[in-house]
Amino acid sequence: MKFKDYYATLGIERSASDGDIKKAYRRLARKFHPDVSKEKGAEEKFKEVAEAYQTLSDKEKRAAYDQLGTHRPGEDFRPPPGWETHFSSGGTDDGGPDLGGIDLGDLFDMLGRGGRGGAHRAQGAHAGATRGHGDFAMAGQDFEANAPLSLEDAYRGTELTLDLAMPEMTADGMIRRIPRQVRVRVPKGATDGLRLRVPGKGGAGLNGGPAGDLYLNITLRPHALFRVTGHDLYLELPITPWEAVLGATVEVPTMEGRVALTIKPGSRAGQKLRVTGRGLPRPGGKTPGHAGDLFCVLSIVTPTVPGEREKELYKELATISSFDPRGHFA
């Protein structure tokens, strides 16, 4: 028979308490469950973890296992003399089980049933999940969902109704996805890339355990006018050459309507003009209600189809102006 180190499988010491064993099993079962794990070999690892927990969570089986002593994993061994008689109530005519070709996990299954007649175990992906976890509460699975928002919804806050397929663990250890409709309030000021935690809106708990959490990954849809960086908004503001030279007062759009913006004489392309507090609201924090800013980035545009008089004035300007935008090339 090949030795299996059940303590090493659960990542615990041989002196581990019952609570340590349960905690280790719960963590590893969730990590390697084949319905949710993406790790290589998760199904086989899940079965190993379930087998180890089935033995170590039972006081009599654990005592029997400890009496086998310590060996290297995979090493051939035989139980010590008298072990079969002490720990088994069924088996061969001489009082001990027939150990020829038996697996260690089958051996401890036999101990639980008092004989060798049922010495085969379920081999499906969920074998072992039905054993041992029904006597303690398990928190529900966390769940993630993408939530694309318009800039208007992010600015004012919104309530979303999401149709989700939530992971829930059944009493027999299976994890299945249950269709559920969830209503979630997104606070105003949600930014692109925000991961919003919604407590208790994940998968249902088992045996009275708490529900898991829902995590919303917020993305903002592109907007026709504004570009978003954090809580700040950026607007490309086209102005005419004469507005740039002479200065002007123009109206610019914001999320709450238009505001007047002063362009100083001698403004240049690429210059950023700040409109304080006209970005996205900042939820909470040290300054509740304070918002990001709106930055208007100037771009100088010329008439695409100038009239004859406009052409004449541009020619006159070219004749009388001494301005050389490429003077620094010299």
Protein backbone atom coordinates (compact mmCIF):
# COMPACT_ATOMS: atom_id res chain seq x y z
CA MET A 1 0.00 0.00 0.00
CA LYS A 2 1.26 3.51 -0.85
CA PHE A 3 1.51 6.04 1.97
CA LYS A 4 -0.28 9.39 1.69
CA ASP A 5 0.65 12.28 3.96
CA TYR A 6 -2.78 13.73 4.72
CA TYR A 7 -1.35 16.44 6.94
CA ALA A 8 0.93 17.66 4.16
CA THR A 9 -1.99 17.55 1.73
CA LEU A 10 -3.90 20.02 3.93
CA GLY A 11 -0.75 22.02 4.70
CA ILE A 12 -1.01 21.58 8.48
CA GLU A 13 1.09 20.15 11.32
CA ARG A 14 0.33 16.75 12.84
CA SER A 15 -0.57 18.58 16.04
CA ALA A 16 -3.25 20.67 14.27
CA SER A 17 -6.54 21.17 16.09
CA ASP A 18 -9.93 20.19 14.69
CA GLY A 19 -10.52 23.85 13.93
CA ASP A 20 -7.22 24.07 12.01
CA ILE A 21 -8.22 21.03 9.95
CA LYS A 22 -11.60 22.50 9.06
CA LYS A 23 -10.08 25.86 8.19
CA ALA A 24 -7.45 24.28 5.94
CA TYR A 25 -10.03 22.11 4.18
CA ARG A 26 -12.41 24.99 3.60
CA ARG A 27 -9.64 27.13 2.08
CA LEU A 28 -8.29 24.39 -0.20
CA ALA A 29 -11.70 23.04 -1.23
CA ARG A 30 -12.68 26.49 -2.43
CA LYS A 31 -9.31 26.97 -4.15
CA PHE A 32 -9.34 23.68 -6.08
CA HIS A 33 -13.04 23.01 -6.65
CA PRO A 34 -13.17 22.01 -10.34
CA ASP A 35 -16.25 24.15 -11.00
CA VAL A 36 -14.45 27.36 -10.05
CA SER A 37 -10.70 26.71 -10.11
CA LYS A 38 -8.59 27.48 -13.18
CA GLU A 39 -5.43 25.89 -11.76
CA LYS A 40 -3.86 22.95 -13.57
CA GLY A 41 -4.73 19.62 -11.95
CA ALA A 42 -7.39 21.20 -9.74
CA GLU A 43 -9.78 18.24 -10.00
CA GLU A 44 -7.24 15.70 -8.77
CA LYS A 45 -6.02 18.06 -6.06
CA PHE A 46 -9.59 18.62 -4.90
CA LYS A 47 -10.11 14.86 -4.53
CA GLU A 48 -6.88 14.55 -2.52
CA VAL A 49 -7.91 17.36 -0.20
CA ALA A 50 -11.37 15.84 0.32
CA GLU A 51 -9.86 12.41 1.07
CA ALA A 52 -7.44 13.88 3.61
CA TYR A 53 -10.20 15.82 5.32
CA GLN A 54 -12.51 12.79 5.42
CA THR A 55 -9.89 10.94 7.48
CA LEU A 56 -8.48 13.67 9.69
CA SER A 57 -11.85 15.22 10.58
CA ASP A 58 -13.00 11.92 12.13
CA LYS A 59 -11.42 11.34 15.56
CA GLU A 60 -11.32 7.55 15.26
CA LYS A 61 -9.96 7.60 11.72
CA ARG A 62 -7.37 10.21 12.65
CA ALA A 63 -6.21 8.10 15.58
CA ALA A 64 -5.96 5.09 13.27
CA TYR A 65 -4.05 7.11 10.70
CA ASP A 66 -1.61 8.45 13.30
CA GLN A 67 -0.89 4.86 14.41
CA LEU A 68 0.43 4.13 10.91
CA GLY A 69 3.44 6.30 11.69
CA THR A 70 5.25 8.62 9.28
CA HIS A 71 6.52 7.60 5.88
CA ARG A 72 7.53 9.33 2.69
CA PRO A 73 4.58 10.10 0.37
CA GLY A 74 4.25 7.23 -2.12
CA GLU A 75 6.37 4.87 -0.04
CA ASP A 76 5.17 1.26 0.21
CA PHE A 77 4.27 0.32 3.79
CA ARG A 78 2.19 -2.03 5.91
CA PRO A 79 0.21 -1.15 9.03
CA PRO A 80 1.93 -2.19 12.27
CA PRO A 81 1.06 -5.63 13.78
CA GLY A 82 -2.37 -5.70 15.37
CA TRP A 83 -3.47 -2.45 13.70
CA GLU A 84 -6.19 -4.18 11.66
CA THR A 85 -7.67 -5.94 14.68
CA HIS A 86 -7.68 -2.79 16.81
CA PHE A 87 -9.22 -0.43 14.25
CA SER A 88 -11.36 -2.66 12.00
CA SER A 89 -14.55 -4.50 12.91
CA GLY A 90 -14.73 -6.48 9.68
CA GLY A 91 -12.59 -8.02 6.97
CA THR A 92 -11.00 -11.41 6.61
CA ASP A 93 -11.72 -14.46 8.71
CA ASP A 94 -8.80 -13.67 11.02
CA GLY A 95 -10.37 -10.32 11.99
CA GLY A 96 -8.36 -8.00 9.73
CA PRO A 97 -9.15 -6.49 6.35
CA ASP A 98 -7.71 -7.84 3.14
CA LEU A 99 -5.06 -5.25 2.28
CA GLY A 100 -3.92 -6.73 -0.98
CA GLY A 101 -3.79 -3.95 -3.60
CA ILE A 102 -5.93 -1.63 -1.51
CA ASP A 103 -5.59 2.16 -1.56
CA LEU A 104 -5.06 4.06 1.68
CA GLY A 105 -8.21 6.11 1.11
CA ASP A 106 -10.22 2.90 0.55
CA LEU A 107 -8.84 1.55 3.79
CA PHE A 108 -10.22 4.47 5.78
CA ASP A 109 -13.50 4.26 3.90
CA MET A 110 -13.70 0.68 5.16
CA LEU A 111 -13.11 1.82 8.73
CA GLY A 112 -16.06 4.17 8.43
CA ARG A 113 -18.35 1.37 7.20
CA GLY A 114 -17.07 -1.36 9.48
CA GLY A 115 -15.98 -3.75 6.72
CA ARG A 116 -14.43 -4.27 3.34
CA GLY A 117 -17.60 -4.88 1.35
CA GLY A 118 -17.93 -1.26 0.29
CA ALA A 119 -14.31 -0.53 -0.41
CA HIS A 120 -14.75 1.53 -3.55
CA ARG A 121 -15.09 5.31 -3.56
CA ALA A 122 -16.90 7.68 -5.86
CA GLN A 123 -14.43 8.82 -8.49
CA GLY A 124 -16.30 11.81 -9.99
CA ALA A 125 -15.02 15.36 -9.95
CA HIS A 126 -16.99 16.07 -6.80
CA ALA A 127 -16.10 12.91 -4.85
CA GLY A 128 -15.15 13.84 -1.32
CA ALA A 129 -17.03 17.14 -1.35
CA THR A 130 -20.00 15.36 0.23
CA ARG A 131 -17.91 14.31 3.18
CA GLY A 132 -16.98 16.33 6.20
CA HIS A 133 -18.10 19.87 5.40
CA GLY A 134 -21.75 19.55 6.37
CA ASP A 135 -21.03 20.13 10.06
CA PHE A 136 -19.71 23.69 9.80
CA ALA A 137 -20.83 26.90 8.21
CA MET A 138 -19.20 27.98 4.95
CA ALA A 139 -19.32 31.46 3.52
CA GLY A 140 -20.81 31.87 0.06
CA GLN A 141 -18.70 32.42 -3.02
CA ASP A 142 -17.67 35.95 -3.99
CA PHE A 143 -18.69 37.00 -7.47
CA GLU A 144 -17.43 39.60 -9.95
CA ALA A 145 -19.41 41.35 -12.66
CA ASN A 146 -18.64 44.10 -15.15
CA ALA A 147 -20.75 47.23 -14.95
CA PRO A 148 -20.38 49.65 -17.90
CA LEU A 149 -21.80 53.10 -17.10
CA SER A 150 -22.48 56.23 -19.08
CA LEU A 151 -20.68 59.34 -17.87
CA GLU A 152 -24.04 60.81 -16.90
CA ASP A 153 -24.80 57.81 -14.66
CA ALA A 154 -21.37 58.04 -13.07
CA TYR A 155 -21.85 61.75 -12.44
CA ARG A 156 -25.29 61.51 -10.83
CA GLY A 157 -25.19 57.97 -9.42
CA THR A 158 -27.52 55.23 -10.58
CA GLU A 159 -29.22 51.98 -9.67
CA LEU A 160 -28.40 48.93 -11.75
CA THR A 161 -30.44 45.76 -12.19
CA LEU A 162 -28.07 42.92 -13.05
CA ASP A 163 -29.04 39.46 -14.30
CA LEU A 164 -26.29 37.23 -12.93
CA ALA A 165 -25.56 33.51 -12.61
CA MET A 166 -24.30 33.25 -9.02
CA PRO A 167 -22.09 30.37 -7.79
CA GLU A 168 -23.69 28.55 -4.85
CA MET A 169 -22.48 25.43 -3.04
CA THR A 170 -25.15 22.84 -2.40
CA ALA A 171 -25.35 20.56 0.63
CA ASP A 172 -23.67 17.73 -1.31
CA GLY A 173 -20.64 19.85 -2.12
CA MET A 174 -21.56 20.70 -5.70
CA ILE A 175 -21.13 24.25 -6.93
CA ARG A 176 -23.75 25.33 -9.42
CA ARG A 177 -24.71 28.67 -10.91
CA ILE A 178 -28.12 30.00 -9.93
CA PRO A 179 -29.75 32.75 -12.04
CA ARG A 180 -30.42 35.75 -9.84
CA GLN A 181 -31.43 39.36 -10.42
CA VAL A 182 -29.53 41.80 -8.23
CA ARG A 183 -30.26 45.51 -7.72
CA VAL A 184 -27.19 47.56 -6.88
CA ARG A 185 -26.84 51.25 -6.09
CA VAL A 186 -23.77 52.85 -7.66
CA PRO A 187 -22.86 56.07 -5.83
CA LYS A 188 -22.26 59.24 -7.78
CA GLY A 189 -18.67 59.85 -8.74
CA ALA A 190 -17.84 56.26 -9.75
CA THR A 191 -14.67 56.31 -11.84
CA ASP A 192 -13.35 54.11 -14.60
CA GLY A 193 -11.59 51.06 -13.15
CA LEU A 194 -13.33 51.31 -9.76
CA ARG A 195 -13.91 47.93 -8.06
CA LEU A 196 -17.05 48.38 -6.03
CA ARG A 197 -17.72 45.89 -3.20
CA VAL A 198 -21.36 45.11 -2.47
CA PRO A 199 -21.49 43.07 0.78
CA GLY A 200 -23.79 40.08 0.95
CA LYS A 201 -24.81 40.10 -2.72
CA GLY A 202 -22.65 37.15 -3.77
CA GLY A 203 -23.38 33.42 -3.54
CA ALA A 204 -25.48 32.06 -0.68
CA GLY A 205 -23.68 30.59 2.33
CA LEU A 206 -23.88 26.95 3.41
CA ASN A 207 -25.15 25.72 6.78
CA GLY A 208 -26.00 29.23 7.92
CA GLY A 209 -22.75 30.76 6.68
CA PRO A 210 -22.77 34.36 5.46
CA ALA A 211 -23.41 35.18 1.82
CA GLY A 212 -20.42 36.11 -0.31
CA ASP A 213 -19.79 39.57 -1.71
CA LEU A 214 -20.41 40.98 -5.16
CA TYR A 215 -17.63 42.99 -6.77
CA LEU A 216 -18.55 45.34 -9.60
CA ASN A 217 -15.83 46.34 -12.05
CA ILE A 218 -16.87 49.81 -13.22
CA THR A 219 -16.06 50.91 -16.75
CA LEU A 220 -17.14 54.21 -18.31
CA ARG A 221 -18.40 54.25 -21.87
CA PRO A 222 -16.73 56.77 -24.21
CA HIS A 223 -18.40 60.19 -24.21
CA ALA A 224 -18.94 62.41 -27.23
CA LEU A 225 -17.36 65.48 -25.57
CA PHE A 226 -15.49 64.60 -22.39
CA ARG A 227 -12.47 62.45 -21.65
CA VAL A 228 -12.24 61.15 -18.09
CA THR A 229 -9.08 60.88 -15.99
CA GLY A 230 -9.88 59.91 -12.43
CA HIS A 231 -12.40 62.50 -11.25
CA ASP A 232 -11.24 65.14 -13.74
CA LEU A 233 -12.84 65.77 -17.11
CA TYR A 234 -11.05 67.02 -20.23
CA LEU A 235 -12.75 68.91 -23.04
CA GLU A 236 -11.11 69.88 -26.32
CA LEU A 237 -12.10 73.51 -26.82
CA PRO A 238 -11.69 74.87 -30.36
CA ILE A 239 -11.12 78.63 -30.69
CA THR A 240 -10.50 80.93 -33.66
CA PRO A 241 -7.14 82.59 -34.34
CA TRP A 242 -8.55 86.02 -33.45
CA GLU A 243 -10.00 84.68 -30.14
CA ALA A 244 -6.56 83.35 -29.31
CA VAL A 245 -4.87 86.66 -30.15
CA LEU A 246 -7.45 89.13 -28.85
CA GLY A 247 -9.01 87.09 -26.07
CA ALA A 248 -12.70 86.26 -25.72
CA THR A 249 -15.42 84.97 -23.44
CA VAL A 250 -16.96 81.71 -24.70
CA GLU A 251 -19.52 79.25 -23.39
CA VAL A 252 -18.36 75.73 -22.65
CA PRO A 253 -20.48 72.65 -21.79
CA THR A 254 -20.25 70.95 -18.39
CA MET A 255 -22.16 68.06 -16.82
CA GLU A 256 -24.56 70.64 -15.33
CA GLY A 257 -25.04 72.96 -18.27
CA ARG A 258 -22.98 75.67 -19.92
CA VAL A 259 -20.67 78.11 -18.13
CA ALA A 260 -18.77 81.19 -19.34
CA LEU A 261 -15.02 80.84 -19.74
CA THR A 262 -12.59 83.68 -20.27
CA ILE A 263 -9.83 83.22 -22.85
CA LYS A 264 -6.99 85.63 -22.24
CA PRO A 265 -5.29 87.47 -25.11
CA GLY A 266 -2.28 85.63 -26.49
CA SER A 267 -3.59 82.15 -25.63
CA ARG A 268 -1.91 79.26 -27.42
CA ALA A 269 -2.92 75.81 -28.69
CA GLY A 270 -2.60 73.07 -26.10
CA GLN A 271 -3.08 75.43 -23.18
CA LYS A 272 -5.29 74.05 -20.40
CA LEU A 273 -7.87 76.26 -18.72
CA ARG A 274 -9.28 74.95 -15.44
CA VAL A 275 -12.94 75.14 -14.47
CA THR A 276 -12.84 74.26 -10.78
CA GLY A 277 -15.29 71.70 -9.37
CA ARG A 278 -16.91 70.79 -12.69
CA GLY A 279 -15.56 67.24 -12.88
CA LEU A 280 -16.93 64.06 -11.29
CA PRO A 281 -18.00 64.19 -7.62
CA ARG A 282 -15.68 62.60 -5.08
CA PRO A 283 -17.70 60.27 -2.82
CA GLY A 284 -16.81 60.48 0.88
CA GLY A 285 -13.25 61.30 1.81
CA LYS A 286 -12.08 64.32 3.77
CA THR A 287 -14.00 66.77 1.62
CA PRO A 288 -17.47 65.25 0.96
CA GLY A 289 -19.15 66.76 -2.05
CA HIS A 290 -15.91 68.11 -3.51
CA ALA A 291 -15.58 67.29 -7.18
CA GLY A 292 -12.80 66.98 -9.68
CA ASP A 293 -12.11 69.74 -12.21
CA LEU A 294 -12.91 70.34 -15.86
CA PHE A 295 -9.89 71.13 -18.03
CA CYS A 296 -10.52 72.86 -21.34
CA VAL A 297 -7.66 72.16 -23.76
CA LEU A 298 -7.40 74.89 -26.39
CA SER A 299 -7.08 74.06 -30.06
CA ILE A 300 -6.85 76.82 -32.66
CA VAL A 301 -8.88 76.17 -35.78
CA THR A 302 -9.11 78.18 -38.99
CA PRO A 303 -12.07 78.59 -41.34
CA THR A 304 -12.31 75.61 -43.68
CA VAL A 305 -13.99 77.59 -46.48
CA PRO A 306 -12.96 81.26 -46.02
CA GLY A 307 -14.81 83.92 -47.97
CA GLU A 308 -13.02 86.32 -50.37
CA ARG A 309 -12.94 89.14 -47.81
CA GLU A 310 -11.50 86.78 -45.18
CA LYS A 311 -8.77 85.75 -47.63
CA GLU A 312 -7.93 89.41 -48.29
CA LEU A 313 -7.61 90.13 -44.58
CA TYR A 314 -5.38 87.08 -44.06
CA LYS A 315 -3.18 88.28 -46.95
CA GLU A 316 -2.98 91.73 -45.42
CA LEU A 317 -2.08 90.20 -42.03
CA ALA A 318 0.63 88.10 -43.67
CA THR A 319 2.08 91.25 -45.23
CA ILE A 320 2.16 93.44 -42.15
CA SER A 321 2.89 90.89 -39.41
CA SER A 322 6.45 90.33 -38.21
CA PHE A 323 5.50 87.23 -36.24
CA ASP A 324 7.66 84.19 -37.07
CA PRO A 325 6.48 80.97 -35.38
CA ARG A 326 9.62 79.17 -36.66
CA GLY A 327 12.13 81.71 -35.52
CA HIS A 328 13.59 79.30 -33.00
CA PHE A 329 14.76 77.04 -35.87
CA ALA A 330 17.55 79.45 -36.67
